[in-house]
C-alpha atoms as a PDB file:
ATOM      1  CA  MET A   1       0.181  -0.228  -0.067  1.00  0.00           C
ATOM      2  CA  CYS A   2       1.884   2.827  -1.234  1.00  0.00           C
ATOM      3  CA  MET A   3       1.451   6.180   1.410  1.00  0.00           C
ATOM      4  CA  ARG A   4       1.211   8.792  -1.231  1.00  0.00           C
ATOM      5  CA  GLU A   5      -0.575   6.601  -3.857  1.00  0.00           C
ATOM      6  CA  MET A   6      -2.389   3.564  -2.392  1.00  0.00           C
ATOM      7  CA  PHE A   7      -5.557   5.571  -1.502  1.00  0.00           C
ATOM      8  CA  SER A   8      -5.495   7.219  -4.477  1.00  0.00           C
ATOM      9  CA  ILE A   9      -7.954   5.289  -6.958  1.00  0.00           C
ATOM     10  CA  LYS A  10     -11.558   5.746  -5.989  1.00  0.00           C
ATOM     11  CA  LYS A  11     -13.081   5.754  -9.539  1.00  0.00           C
ATOM     12  CA  ILE A  12     -14.015   2.614 -10.176  1.00  0.00           C
ATOM     13  CA  ALA A  13     -16.022   1.824  -6.490  1.00  0.00           C
ATOM     14  CA  VAL A  14     -19.602   1.370  -7.673  1.00  0.00           C
ATOM     15  CA  LEU A  15     -17.548  -2.000 -10.118  1.00  0.00           C
ATOM     16  CA  LEU A  16     -15.978  -3.093  -6.687  1.00  0.00           C
ATOM     17  CA  VAL A  17     -19.208  -3.326  -4.918  1.00  0.00           C
ATOM     18  CA  VAL A  18     -20.729  -5.723  -7.858  1.00  0.00           C
ATOM     19  CA  VAL A  19     -18.031  -7.686  -8.164  1.00  0.00           C
ATOM     20  CA  PHE A  20     -17.910  -8.066  -4.129  1.00  0.00           C
ATOM     21  CA  VAL A  21     -21.379  -9.072  -3.986  1.00  0.00           C
ATOM     22  CA  PHE A  22     -20.989 -11.235  -6.379  1.00  0.00           C
ATOM     23  CA  ALA A  23     -18.085 -12.848  -4.749  1.00  0.00           C
ATOM     24  CA  ALA A  24     -20.079 -13.203  -1.502  1.00  0.00           C
ATOM     25  CA  CYS A  25     -22.840 -14.225  -2.932  1.00  0.00           C
ATOM     26  CA  LYS A  26     -22.024 -17.137  -5.392  1.00  0.00           C
ATOM     27  CA  PRO A  27     -21.022 -20.799  -3.945  1.00  0.00           C
ATOM     28  CA  ILE A  28     -17.591 -21.177  -3.705  1.00  0.00           C
ATOM     29  CA  GLU A  29     -16.882 -24.042  -5.816  1.00  0.00           C
ATOM     30  CA  PRO A  30     -13.308 -25.355  -5.133  1.00  0.00           C
ATOM     31  CA  VAL A  31     -10.967 -26.703  -7.808  1.00  0.00           C
ATOM     32  CA  GLU A  32      -9.422 -30.132  -6.744  1.00  0.00           C
ATOM     33  CA  PRO A  33      -5.768 -28.962  -5.443  1.00  0.00           C
ATOM     34  CA  PRO A  34      -2.758 -30.705  -5.982  1.00  0.00           C
ATOM     35  CA  GLU A  35      -0.296 -32.820  -5.179  1.00  0.00           C
ATOM     36  CA  PRO A  36       1.532 -31.730  -1.731  1.00  0.00           C
ATOM     37  CA  ALA A  37       4.879 -30.764  -3.087  1.00  0.00           C
ATOM     38  CA  GLY A  38       7.074 -31.801  -0.047  1.00  0.00           C
ATOM     39  CA  LYS A  39       9.859 -30.394   0.742  1.00  0.00           C
ATOM     40  CA  VAL A  40      11.298 -29.079  -2.253  1.00  0.00           C
ATOM     41  CA  ILE A  41      13.807 -26.331  -0.113  1.00  0.00           C
ATOM     42  CA  GLU A  42      16.546 -28.308   1.523  1.00  0.00           C
ATOM     43  CA  GLY A  43      17.076 -25.738   4.500  1.00  0.00           C
ATOM     44  CA  GLY A  44      14.141 -23.150   3.868  1.00  0.00           C
ATOM     45  CA  PHE A  45      10.610 -23.018   3.573  1.00  0.00           C
ATOM     46  CA  TYR A  46       8.418 -24.906   1.285  1.00  0.00           C
ATOM     47  CA  VAL A  47       4.997 -25.635   0.466  1.00  0.00           C
ATOM     48  CA  SER A  48       2.566 -28.654   1.025  1.00  0.00           C
ATOM     49  CA  GLY A  49      -0.727 -28.023   0.151  1.00  0.00           C
ATOM     50  CA  THR A  50      -2.435 -24.934   2.267  1.00  0.00           C
ATOM     51  CA  SER A  51       0.220 -24.962   4.503  1.00  0.00           C
ATOM     52  CA  LEU A  52       3.504 -22.906   4.379  1.00  0.00           C
ATOM     53  CA  TYR A  53       6.220 -25.303   6.283  1.00  0.00           C
ATOM     54  CA  ASP A  54       9.537 -24.041   7.692  1.00  0.00           C
ATOM     55  CA  ALA A  55      13.181 -25.311   7.375  1.00  0.00           C
ATOM     56  CA  GLU A  56      12.646 -28.107  10.336  1.00  0.00           C
ATOM     57  CA  GLY A  57       9.534 -29.455   8.378  1.00  0.00           C
ATOM     58  CA  VAL A  58       7.161 -27.206  10.877  1.00  0.00           C
ATOM     59  CA  GLU A  59       3.904 -25.736   9.878  1.00  0.00           C
ATOM     60  CA  PHE A  60       4.743 -21.707  10.176  1.00  0.00           C
ATOM     61  CA  VAL A  61       1.394 -18.918   9.998  1.00  0.00           C
ATOM     62  CA  MET A  62       2.850 -15.494   9.158  1.00  0.00           C
ATOM     63  CA  ARG A  63       1.442 -13.151  12.618  1.00  0.00           C
ATOM     64  CA  GLY A  64       3.170  -9.403  12.562  1.00  0.00           C
ATOM     65  CA  VAL A  65       3.017  -6.162  10.778  1.00  0.00           C
ATOM     66  CA  ASN A  66       4.531  -4.211   8.159  1.00  0.00           C
ATOM     67  CA  TYR A  67       7.350  -1.881   8.374  1.00  0.00           C
ATOM     68  CA  PRO A  68       7.258   1.314   5.398  1.00  0.00           C
ATOM     69  CA  HIS A  69      11.319   1.451   5.498  1.00  0.00           C
ATOM     70  CA  THR A  70      12.247   2.579   2.354  1.00  0.00           C
ATOM     71  CA  TRP A  71      10.602   5.523   3.339  1.00  0.00           C
ATOM     72  CA  PHE A  72      11.821   5.889   7.191  1.00  0.00           C
ATOM     73  CA  LYS A  73      15.568   4.263   6.408  1.00  0.00           C
ATOM     74  CA  ASN A  74      16.436   5.788   9.505  1.00  0.00           C
ATOM     75  CA  ASN A  75      14.473   4.347  12.341  1.00  0.00           C
ATOM     76  CA  LEU A  76      15.124   0.333  11.447  1.00  0.00           C
ATOM     77  CA  GLU A  77      16.925  -0.322  14.904  1.00  0.00           C
ATOM     78  CA  GLU A  78      14.426   1.716  16.858  1.00  0.00           C
ATOM     79  CA  ALA A  79      11.796  -0.014  14.770  1.00  0.00           C
ATOM     80  CA  LEU A  80      12.442  -3.596  14.466  1.00  0.00           C
ATOM     81  CA  PRO A  81      13.237  -4.743  17.806  1.00  0.00           C
ATOM     82  CA  ALA A  82       9.578  -3.014  19.021  1.00  0.00           C
ATOM     83  CA  ILE A  83       8.455  -4.742  16.342  1.00  0.00           C
ATOM     84  CA  ALA A  84       9.583  -8.443  18.033  1.00  0.00           C
ATOM     85  CA  ALA A  85       8.605  -7.031  21.525  1.00  0.00           C
ATOM     86  CA  THR A  86       4.899  -7.773  19.781  1.00  0.00           C
ATOM     87  CA  GLY A  87       5.704 -11.104  19.740  1.00  0.00           C
ATOM     88  CA  SER A  88       5.599 -10.890  15.890  1.00  0.00           C
ATOM     89  CA  ASN A  89       7.352 -13.927  13.843  1.00  0.00           C
ATOM     90  CA  THR A  90       6.853 -12.296  10.960  1.00  0.00           C
ATOM     91  CA  VAL A  91       7.719  -8.577   9.580  1.00  0.00           C
ATOM     92  CA  ARG A  92       7.211  -7.130   6.078  1.00  0.00           C
ATOM     93  CA  ILE A  93       9.478  -5.395   4.747  1.00  0.00           C
ATOM     94  CA  VAL A  94       8.783  -1.814   2.272  1.00  0.00           C
ATOM     95  CA  LEU A  95      11.707  -1.795  -0.647  1.00  0.00           C
ATOM     96  CA  SER A  96      12.726   0.149  -3.237  1.00  0.00           C
ATOM     97  CA  ASN A  97      14.193  -0.952  -7.143  1.00  0.00           C
ATOM     98  CA  GLY A  98      14.575   2.728  -7.659  1.00  0.00           C
ATOM     99  CA  VAL A  99      12.074   3.480  -9.762  1.00  0.00           C
ATOM    100  CA  GLN A 100       9.926   5.421  -7.673  1.00  0.00           C
ATOM    101  CA  TRP A 101      12.276   6.030  -4.096  1.00  0.00           C
ATOM    102  CA  ARG A 102      15.883   6.035  -3.372  1.00  0.00           C
ATOM    103  CA  LYS A 103      16.554   2.223  -4.037  1.00  0.00           C
ATOM    104  CA  ASP A 104      17.688  -0.330  -1.158  1.00  0.00           C
ATOM    105  CA  SER A 105      21.212  -1.997  -1.676  1.00  0.00           C
ATOM    106  CA  GLU A 106      21.726  -5.042  -1.460  1.00  0.00           C
ATOM    107  CA  GLU A 107      24.470  -4.284   1.514  1.00  0.00           C
ATOM    108  CA  ASP A 108      21.146  -2.852   3.166  1.00  0.00           C
ATOM    109  CA  VAL A 109      18.867  -5.574   2.800  1.00  0.00           C
ATOM    110  CA  LEU A 110      21.389  -7.848   4.104  1.00  0.00           C
ATOM    111  CA  ARG A 111      21.433  -5.888   6.872  1.00  0.00           C
ATOM    112  CA  ILE A 112      17.958  -6.185   7.292  1.00  0.00           C
ATOM    113  CA  ILE A 113      17.879  -9.634   6.640  1.00  0.00           C
ATOM    114  CA  GLU A 114      20.673 -10.209   9.934  1.00  0.00           C
ATOM    115  CA  MET A 115      18.234  -8.192  11.772  1.00  0.00           C
ATOM    116  CA  CYS A 116      15.900  -9.589  11.763  1.00  0.00           C
ATOM    117  CA  LYS A 117      17.273 -13.125  12.243  1.00  0.00           C
ATOM    118  CA  GLU A 118      18.571 -12.106  15.229  1.00  0.00           C
ATOM    119  CA  LEU A 119      15.256 -10.660  16.516  1.00  0.00           C
ATOM    120  CA  HIS A 120      13.685 -14.066  15.740  1.00  0.00           C
ATOM    121  CA  MET A 121      11.264 -12.812  13.141  1.00  0.00           C
ATOM    122  CA  ILE A 122      10.681 -13.985   9.596  1.00  0.00           C
ATOM    123  CA  ALA A 123      11.608 -11.417   6.866  1.00  0.00           C
ATOM    124  CA  VAL A 124       8.840 -11.278   4.094  1.00  0.00           C
ATOM    125  CA  LEU A 125      10.875  -8.138   1.675  1.00  0.00           C
ATOM    126  CA  GLU A 126       8.576  -6.580  -1.013  1.00  0.00           C
ATOM    127  CA  VAL A 127       9.283  -4.182  -3.971  1.00  0.00           C
ATOM    128  CA  HIS A 128       7.100  -1.244  -3.799  1.00  0.00           C
ATOM    129  CA  ASP A 129       7.595   0.677  -7.087  1.00  0.00           C
ATOM    130  CA  ALA A 130       5.218  -1.288  -9.066  1.00  0.00           C
ATOM    131  CA  THR A 131       2.057  -0.766  -6.292  1.00  0.00           C
ATOM    132  CA  GLY A 132      -1.123  -0.225  -8.843  1.00  0.00           C
ATOM    133  CA  ARG A 133       0.820  -0.231 -12.077  1.00  0.00           C
ATOM    134  CA  ASN A 134      -1.045  -2.348 -15.039  1.00  0.00           C
ATOM    135  CA  ASP A 135       2.570  -2.734 -17.575  1.00  0.00           C
ATOM    136  CA  ILE A 136       4.535  -5.815 -17.043  1.00  0.00           C
ATOM    137  CA  ASP A 137       7.314  -3.814 -17.258  1.00  0.00           C
ATOM    138  CA  ASP A 138       6.941  -2.770 -13.638  1.00  0.00           C
ATOM    139  CA  LEU A 139       6.879  -6.285 -12.633  1.00  0.00           C
ATOM    140  CA  MET A 140       9.436  -7.022 -14.538  1.00  0.00           C
ATOM    141  CA  LYS A 141      11.440  -4.947 -13.107  1.00  0.00           C
ATOM    142  CA  ALA A 142      10.564  -5.838  -9.648  1.00  0.00           C
ATOM    143  CA  VAL A 143      11.626  -8.810 -11.182  1.00  0.00           C
ATOM    144  CA  ASP A 144      15.220  -7.125 -12.291  1.00  0.00           C
ATOM    145  CA  TYR A 145      16.324  -5.839  -8.487  1.00  0.00           C
ATOM    146  CA  TRP A 146      15.818  -9.766  -6.690  1.00  0.00           C
ATOM    147  CA  ILE A 147      17.729 -10.694  -9.704  1.00  0.00           C
ATOM    148  CA  GLU A 148      20.461  -8.270  -8.987  1.00  0.00           C
ATOM    149  CA  ILE A 149      20.431  -8.761  -4.999  1.00  0.00           C
ATOM    150  CA  LYS A 150      19.768 -12.409  -5.124  1.00  0.00           C
ATOM    151  CA  ASP A 151      23.741 -12.593  -3.498  1.00  0.00           C
ATOM    152  CA  VAL A 152      21.566 -11.682   0.196  1.00  0.00           C
ATOM    153  CA  LEU A 153      18.635 -14.258  -0.639  1.00  0.00           C
ATOM    154  CA  ILE A 154      20.522 -17.208  -1.569  1.00  0.00           C
ATOM    155  CA  GLY A 155      21.311 -18.647   1.458  1.00  0.00           C
ATOM    156  CA  ASN A 156      19.020 -17.242   3.134  1.00  0.00           C
ATOM    157  CA  GLU A 157      15.660 -19.404   2.144  1.00  0.00           C
ATOM    158  CA  ALA A 158      14.663 -20.231   5.938  1.00  0.00           C
ATOM    159  CA  TYR A 159      14.412 -17.016   6.580  1.00  0.00           C
ATOM    160  CA  VAL A 160      13.442 -14.654   3.861  1.00  0.00           C
ATOM    161  CA  ILE A 161      10.515 -14.458   1.708  1.00  0.00           C
ATOM    162  CA  VAL A 162      10.152 -12.382  -1.577  1.00  0.00           C
ATOM    163  CA  ASN A 163       7.700 -10.848  -2.135  1.00  0.00           C
ATOM    164  CA  ILE A 164       7.926  -9.933  -5.876  1.00  0.00           C
ATOM    165  CA  ALA A 165       5.684  -6.548  -6.158  1.00  0.00           C
ATOM    166  CA  ASN A 166       3.937  -4.940  -3.449  1.00  0.00           C
ATOM    167  CA  GLU A 167       0.251  -4.430  -5.318  1.00  0.00           C
ATOM    168  CA  TRP A 168       1.037  -5.231  -8.684  1.00  0.00           C
ATOM    169  CA  LEU A 169      -1.698  -4.730 -11.448  1.00  0.00           C
ATOM    170  CA  GLY A 170      -4.541  -2.079 -10.112  1.00  0.00           C
ATOM    171  CA  ASN A 171      -6.824  -3.459 -12.841  1.00  0.00           C
ATOM    172  CA  TRP A 172      -9.394  -6.129 -11.296  1.00  0.00           C
ATOM    173  CA  GLU A 173      -8.359  -8.242 -14.624  1.00  0.00           C
ATOM    174  CA  SER A 174      -7.416 -11.970 -13.656  1.00  0.00           C
ATOM    175  CA  GLU A 175      -5.842 -12.842 -17.012  1.00  0.00           C
ATOM    176  CA  ALA A 176      -3.316 -10.236 -17.213  1.00  0.00           C
ATOM    177  CA  TRP A 177      -2.515 -10.631 -13.622  1.00  0.00           C
ATOM    178  CA  ARG A 178      -1.645 -14.004 -14.529  1.00  0.00           C
ATOM    179  CA  ASP A 179       0.304 -13.682 -17.571  1.00  0.00           C
ATOM    180  CA  GLY A 180       2.496 -11.098 -15.723  1.00  0.00           C
ATOM    181  CA  TYR A 181       3.319 -13.579 -12.032  1.00  0.00           C
ATOM    182  CA  VAL A 182       3.319 -16.504 -15.355  1.00  0.00           C
ATOM    183  CA  GLU A 183       5.957 -14.734 -16.786  1.00  0.00           C
ATOM    184  CA  ALA A 184       7.741 -13.665 -13.496  1.00  0.00           C
ATOM    185  CA  ILE A 185       8.269 -16.155 -11.692  1.00  0.00           C
ATOM    186  CA  PRO A 186      10.169 -18.597 -13.656  1.00  0.00           C
ATOM    187  CA  LYS A 187      13.049 -16.002 -14.760  1.00  0.00           C
ATOM    188  CA  LEU A 188      13.931 -15.806 -10.343  1.00  0.00           C
ATOM    189  CA  ARG A 189      14.177 -19.500  -9.979  1.00  0.00           C
ATOM    190  CA  GLU A 190      16.112 -19.138 -13.080  1.00  0.00           C
ATOM    191  CA  VAL A 191      18.944 -17.792 -11.200  1.00  0.00           C
ATOM    192  CA  GLY A 192      18.606 -19.939  -8.239  1.00  0.00           C
ATOM    193  CA  ILE A 193      16.508 -17.859  -6.027  1.00  0.00           C
ATOM    194  CA  LYS A 194      14.847 -20.881  -4.639  1.00  0.00           C
ATOM    195  CA  ASN A 195      13.069 -18.467  -1.315  1.00  0.00           C
ATOM    196  CA  THR A 196       9.042 -19.285  -1.451  1.00  0.00           C
ATOM    197  CA  ILE A 197       7.411 -16.373  -3.534  1.00  0.00           C
ATOM    198  CA  MET A 198       4.621 -14.538  -2.028  1.00  0.00           C
ATOM    199  CA  VAL A 199       1.959 -13.341  -4.457  1.00  0.00           C
ATOM    200  CA  ASP A 200      -0.211 -11.044  -3.708  1.00  0.00           C
ATOM    201  CA  ALA A 201      -3.881 -11.050  -5.738  1.00  0.00           C
ATOM    202  CA  ALA A 202      -4.702  -7.844  -8.556  1.00  0.00           C
ATOM    203  CA  GLY A 203      -6.853  -5.328  -7.978  1.00  0.00           C
ATOM    204  CA  TRP A 204      -4.459  -3.397  -5.792  1.00  0.00           C
ATOM    205  CA  GLY A 205      -3.860  -6.919  -3.509  1.00  0.00           C
ATOM    206  CA  GLN A 206      -8.067  -6.714  -2.980  1.00  0.00           C
ATOM    207  CA  TYR A 207      -9.060  -8.780  -5.923  1.00  0.00           C
ATOM    208  CA  ALA A 208      -9.302 -11.732  -4.192  1.00  0.00           C
ATOM    209  CA  LYS A 209     -10.991 -13.925  -7.403  1.00  0.00           C
ATOM    210  CA  SER A 210      -8.125 -13.525  -9.334  1.00  0.00           C
ATOM    211  CA  ILE A 211      -5.936 -16.078  -7.154  1.00  0.00           C
ATOM    212  CA  HIS A 212      -8.938 -17.922  -7.066  1.00  0.00           C
ATOM    213  CA  ASP A 213      -9.407 -17.990 -11.047  1.00  0.00           C
ATOM    214  CA  TYR A 214      -6.208 -18.391 -12.108  1.00  0.00           C
ATOM    215  CA  GLY A 215      -3.397 -18.922  -8.968  1.00  0.00           C
ATOM    216  CA  ARG A 216      -3.104 -22.670  -9.764  1.00  0.00           C
ATOM    217  CA  GLU A 217      -1.292 -21.485 -12.861  1.00  0.00           C
ATOM    218  CA  VAL A 218       0.279 -18.567 -11.516  1.00  0.00           C
ATOM    219  CA  PHE A 219       1.193 -21.541  -8.925  1.00  0.00           C
ATOM    220  CA  ASP A 220       2.460 -24.709 -11.412  1.00  0.00           C
ATOM    221  CA  SER A 221       4.519 -21.791 -13.041  1.00  0.00           C
ATOM    222  CA  ASP A 222       7.502 -22.036 -10.374  1.00  0.00           C
ATOM    223  CA  GLU A 223       8.891 -25.563 -10.598  1.00  0.00           C
ATOM    224  CA  LEU A 224       9.626 -25.503  -6.855  1.00  0.00           C
ATOM    225  CA  SER A 225       5.902 -25.714  -6.157  1.00  0.00           C
ATOM    226  CA  ASN A 226       7.084 -23.180  -3.749  1.00  0.00           C
ATOM    227  CA  THR A 227       4.821 -19.986  -3.713  1.00  0.00           C
ATOM    228  CA  ILE A 228       2.097 -18.611  -2.053  1.00  0.00           C
ATOM    229  CA  PHE A 229      -0.946 -15.425  -2.088  1.00  0.00           C
ATOM    230  CA  SER A 230      -1.627 -12.782  -0.308  1.00  0.00           C
ATOM    231  CA  ILE A 231      -4.965 -10.990   0.265  1.00  0.00           C
ATOM    232  CA  HIS A 232      -4.584  -7.153   0.820  1.00  0.00           C
ATOM    233  CA  MET A 233      -8.224  -6.733   3.148  1.00  0.00           C
ATOM    234  CA  TYR A 234      -9.429  -2.984   3.271  1.00  0.00           C
ATOM    235  CA  GLU A 235     -12.938  -1.117   2.547  1.00  0.00           C
ATOM    236  CA  ASN A 236     -13.585  -4.172  -0.592  1.00  0.00           C
ATOM    237  CA  ALA A 237     -12.251  -7.580   0.013  1.00  0.00           C
ATOM    238  CA  GLY A 238     -12.376  -6.856   4.411  1.00  0.00           C
ATOM    239  CA  ARG A 239     -15.691  -4.730   3.749  1.00  0.00           C
ATOM    240  CA  THR A 240     -17.695  -7.889   5.948  1.00  0.00           C
ATOM    241  CA  GLU A 241     -17.600 -10.842   7.683  1.00  0.00           C
ATOM    242  CA  LYS A 242     -19.135 -12.302   4.812  1.00  0.00           C
ATOM    243  CA  ILE A 243     -16.304 -10.984   2.151  1.00  0.00           C
ATOM    244  CA  VAL A 244     -13.530 -11.870   4.557  1.00  0.00           C
ATOM    245  CA  LYS A 245     -14.671 -15.640   4.536  1.00  0.00           C
ATOM    246  CA  THR A 246     -15.811 -16.101   0.989  1.00  0.00           C
ATOM    247  CA  ASN A 247     -12.116 -14.024  -0.043  1.00  0.00           C
ATOM    248  CA  ILE A 248     -10.041 -16.596   1.997  1.00  0.00           C
ATOM    249  CA  ASP A 249     -12.301 -19.849   1.150  1.00  0.00           C
ATOM    250  CA  ARG A 250     -12.509 -19.353  -2.153  1.00  0.00           C
ATOM    251  CA  ALA A 251      -8.069 -18.749  -2.203  1.00  0.00           C
ATOM    252  CA  LEU A 252      -7.743 -21.758  -0.184  1.00  0.00           C
ATOM    253  CA  ALA A 253      -9.606 -23.979  -2.080  1.00  0.00           C
ATOM    254  CA  ILE A 254      -7.207 -24.137  -4.925  1.00  0.00           C
ATOM    255  CA  GLY A 255      -4.832 -25.778  -2.653  1.00  0.00           C
ATOM    256  CA  VAL A 256      -2.260 -23.394  -2.063  1.00  0.00           C
ATOM    257  CA  PRO A 257      -1.874 -20.905   1.135  1.00  0.00           C
ATOM    258  CA  VAL A 258      -2.817 -17.722   1.470  1.00  0.00           C
ATOM    259  CA  LEU A 259      -2.770 -14.904   4.076  1.00  0.00           C
ATOM    260  CA  ILE A 260      -3.480 -11.315   4.263  1.00  0.00           C
ATOM    261  CA  GLY A 261      -0.526  -9.603   3.217  1.00  0.00           C
ATOM    262  CA  GLU A 262      -2.147  -6.082   4.253  1.00  0.00           C
ATOM    263  CA  PHE A 263      -5.327  -5.035   6.267  1.00  0.00           C
ATOM    264  CA  GLY A 264      -6.159  -2.225   8.677  1.00  0.00           C
ATOM    265  CA  HIS A 265      -9.340  -1.496  11.112  1.00  0.00           C
ATOM    266  CA  LYS A 266     -11.091   0.812   8.522  1.00  0.00           C
ATOM    267  CA  HIS A 267      -9.916   2.626   5.052  1.00  0.00           C
ATOM    268  CA  GLY A 268     -11.691   5.644   3.079  1.00  0.00           C
ATOM    269  CA  ASN A 269     -13.955   6.482   5.539  1.00  0.00           C
ATOM    270  CA  LYS A 270     -15.280   2.584   5.505  1.00  0.00           C
ATOM    271  CA  SER A 271     -14.919   0.498   8.234  1.00  0.00           C
ATOM    272  CA  VAL A 272     -12.838  -2.916   7.928  1.00  0.00           C
ATOM    273  CA  ALA A 273     -14.468  -6.094   9.313  1.00  0.00           C
ATOM    274  CA  PHE A 274     -10.153  -6.315  10.987  1.00  0.00           C
ATOM    275  CA  GLU A 275     -11.603  -8.777  13.811  1.00  0.00           C
ATOM    276  CA  SER A 276     -12.898 -11.054  11.336  1.00  0.00           C
ATOM    277  CA  ILE A 277      -9.845 -11.797   9.833  1.00  0.00           C
ATOM    278  CA  LEU A 278      -8.118 -11.806  13.187  1.00  0.00           C
ATOM    279  CA  SER A 279     -10.747 -15.039  13.899  1.00  0.00           C
ATOM    280  CA  TYR A 280     -10.819 -16.587  10.958  1.00  0.00           C
ATOM    281  CA  CYS A 281      -7.070 -16.408  10.126  1.00  0.00           C
ATOM    282  CA  GLU A 282      -6.875 -18.093  13.487  1.00  0.00           C
ATOM    283  CA  GLU A 283      -9.706 -20.636  12.515  1.00  0.00           C
ATOM    284  CA  VAL A 284      -8.442 -21.523   9.434  1.00  0.00           C
ATOM    285  CA  GLY A 285      -4.241 -21.050  10.227  1.00  0.00           C
ATOM    286  CA  ALA A 286      -4.292 -18.644   7.557  1.00  0.00           C
ATOM    287  CA  GLY A 287      -1.278 -15.724   8.756  1.00  0.00           C
ATOM    288  CA  TYR A 288      -1.755 -11.856   8.993  1.00  0.00           C
ATOM    289  CA  LEU A 289       0.237  -8.547   8.674  1.00  0.00           C
ATOM    290  CA  GLY A 290      -1.107  -5.978   9.761  1.00  0.00           C
ATOM    291  CA  TRP A 291      -0.603  -2.056   7.789  1.00  0.00           C
ATOM    292  CA  SER A 292       1.491  -0.895   9.078  1.00  0.00           C
ATOM    293  CA  TRP A 293       3.825   0.280  11.676  1.00  0.00           C
ATOM    294  CA  LYS A 294       4.369   4.216  11.803  1.00  0.00           C
ATOM    295  CA  GLY A 295       4.303   6.677   9.176  1.00  0.00           C
ATOM    296  CA  ASN A 296       1.283   6.548   7.392  1.00  0.00           C
ATOM    297  CA  SER A 297       0.304  10.120   6.069  1.00  0.00           C
ATOM    298  CA  GLY A 298      -1.944  11.685   3.468  1.00  0.00           C
ATOM    299  CA  GLY A 299      -5.098  11.330   5.555  1.00  0.00           C
ATOM    300  CA  VAL A 300      -4.282   7.388   6.773  1.00  0.00           C
ATOM    301  CA  GLU A 301      -2.618   7.826   9.714  1.00  0.00           C
ATOM    302  CA  TYR A 302      -5.342   6.451  11.872  1.00  0.00           C
ATOM    303  CA  LEU A 303      -3.031   2.893   9.573  1.00  0.00           C
ATOM    304  CA  ASP A 304      -0.494   3.671  12.442  1.00  0.00           C
ATOM    305  CA  ILE A 305       0.257   0.785  14.988  1.00  0.00           C
ATOM    306  CA  ALA A 306       1.919   2.275  17.025  1.00  0.00           C
ATOM    307  CA  LEU A 307       2.618   5.772  17.275  1.00  0.00           C
ATOM    308  CA  GLU A 308       5.660   6.041  18.536  1.00  0.00           C
ATOM    309  CA  TRP A 309       9.359   4.081  17.107  1.00  0.00           C
ATOM    310  CA  ASP A 310       9.872   2.074  19.606  1.00  0.00           C
ATOM    311  CA  GLY A 311       6.486   1.287  20.390  1.00  0.00           C
ATOM    312  CA  SER A 312       5.925   2.363  23.974  1.00  0.00           C
ATOM    313  CA  VAL A 313       2.208   3.591  22.651  1.00  0.00           C
ATOM    314  CA  LEU A 314       0.094   2.123  20.429  1.00  0.00           C
ATOM    315  CA  SER A 315      -2.863   3.491  18.949  1.00  0.00           C
ATOM    316  CA  ALA A 316      -5.646   2.439  20.549  1.00  0.00           C
ATOM    317  CA  ASP A 317      -8.400   1.762  17.806  1.00  0.00           C
ATOM    318  CA  TRP A 318      -5.809  -0.641  15.743  1.00  0.00           C
ATOM    319  CA  GLY A 319      -2.415  -1.200  17.616  1.00  0.00           C
ATOM    320  CA  GLU A 320      -4.111  -2.173  20.434  1.00  0.00           C
ATOM    321  CA  ILE A 321      -6.473  -4.614  19.471  1.00  0.00           C
ATOM    322  CA  LEU A 322      -4.515  -6.033  16.331  1.00  0.00           C
ATOM    323  CA  VAL A 323      -1.319  -6.846  19.292  1.00  0.00           C
ATOM    324  CA  ASN A 324      -2.968  -7.311  22.333  1.00  0.00           C
ATOM    325  CA  GLY A 325      -6.559  -8.354  21.489  1.00  0.00           C
ATOM    326  CA  GLU A 326      -8.394 -11.915  21.151  1.00  0.00           C
ATOM    327  CA  ASN A 327      -6.818 -13.368  18.281  1.00  0.00           C
ATOM    328  CA  GLY A 328      -4.438 -10.318  18.030  1.00  0.00           C
ATOM    329  CA  ILE A 329      -0.491 -11.089  17.856  1.00  0.00           C
ATOM    330  CA  ARG A 330       0.992 -11.706  21.027  1.00  0.00           C
ATOM    331  CA  GLN A 331      -2.926 -14.388  21.763  1.00  0.00           C
ATOM    332  CA  THR A 332      -1.827 -16.438  18.181  1.00  0.00           C
ATOM    333  CA  SER A 333       2.158 -15.832  17.195  1.00  0.00           C
ATOM    334  CA  VAL A 334       4.458 -18.649  17.404  1.00  0.00           C
ATOM    335  CA  MET A 335       8.151 -18.292  16.649  1.00  0.00           C
ATOM    336  CA  CYS A 336       9.469 -20.265  13.799  1.00  0.00           C
ATOM    337  CA  SER A 337      11.304 -23.506  14.571  1.00  0.00           C
ATOM    338  CA  VAL A 338      14.469 -22.070  13.131  1.00  0.00           C
ATOM    339  CA  PHE A 339      15.113 -20.300  15.600  1.00  0.00           C
ATOM    340  CA  GLU A 340      14.383 -22.427  18.845  1.00  0.00           C
END
């Protein structure tokens, strides 16, 4: 979710309502799941059925937050320990490939990975510059960035998940989404990147139906069968409890893991059924990562989980419930077994 652009498109609001009414009402038609991939990555995360397993063969469910590193590079040393103190077992890190913001260097990324390892958190790394873009070239520029810094990914398969591009494809188009990722994923595998790959849904991450429509084809494009999917739940994908459950169920029905990579308690003056997100993710064993630790601006400051970088004060209506509430991070997070 781009803090400068992520809330700018509202032109298709009517269409989104229609789509989600359809999604909420149409019966889910499960697709026969693929055969479990088994442990394809020695010493790294791997996928089997709808579950993600760590390098020790223990099922891993993400619980944590997003950290907007690329815009707040100087706050890393203060923020990451504070995020770890919430009990988060995962932190999703905003990075830039230099297209929109100052590029995060290979050295910077290695430093982040090492800090996360010291704090016993799994790092989900994402390129934010392709947010909402519809040109496949923007997705491929993100791919090029991962290839450029592949040396910090290779060897860290047990600690790092690669979220190729945040919310690539602003359009609500399943086929374009499929075509982009079917081209992107093999390019990463060709250069020896074996880390688990995370793919955001189309429609700024909120079009969960794209996963149900063509997630199997995207998954099958990965020769390692090591791809998971992420839905971002705001005023559309997370509008009501029924929609939350439908979107998660439709994604899981294809037989691969899904998580909520971003969500908040409200968005665009509309509420989000965030407590339903927390409870249903716990019920079905799906991960969740709240947006975002601190630094939101442009009228969405309410999405700050923490009011201070050191986490000493959490926002009452969002951060406190996400971290300390029933089904929140502190109650449900389990540290990845590779750190035991």
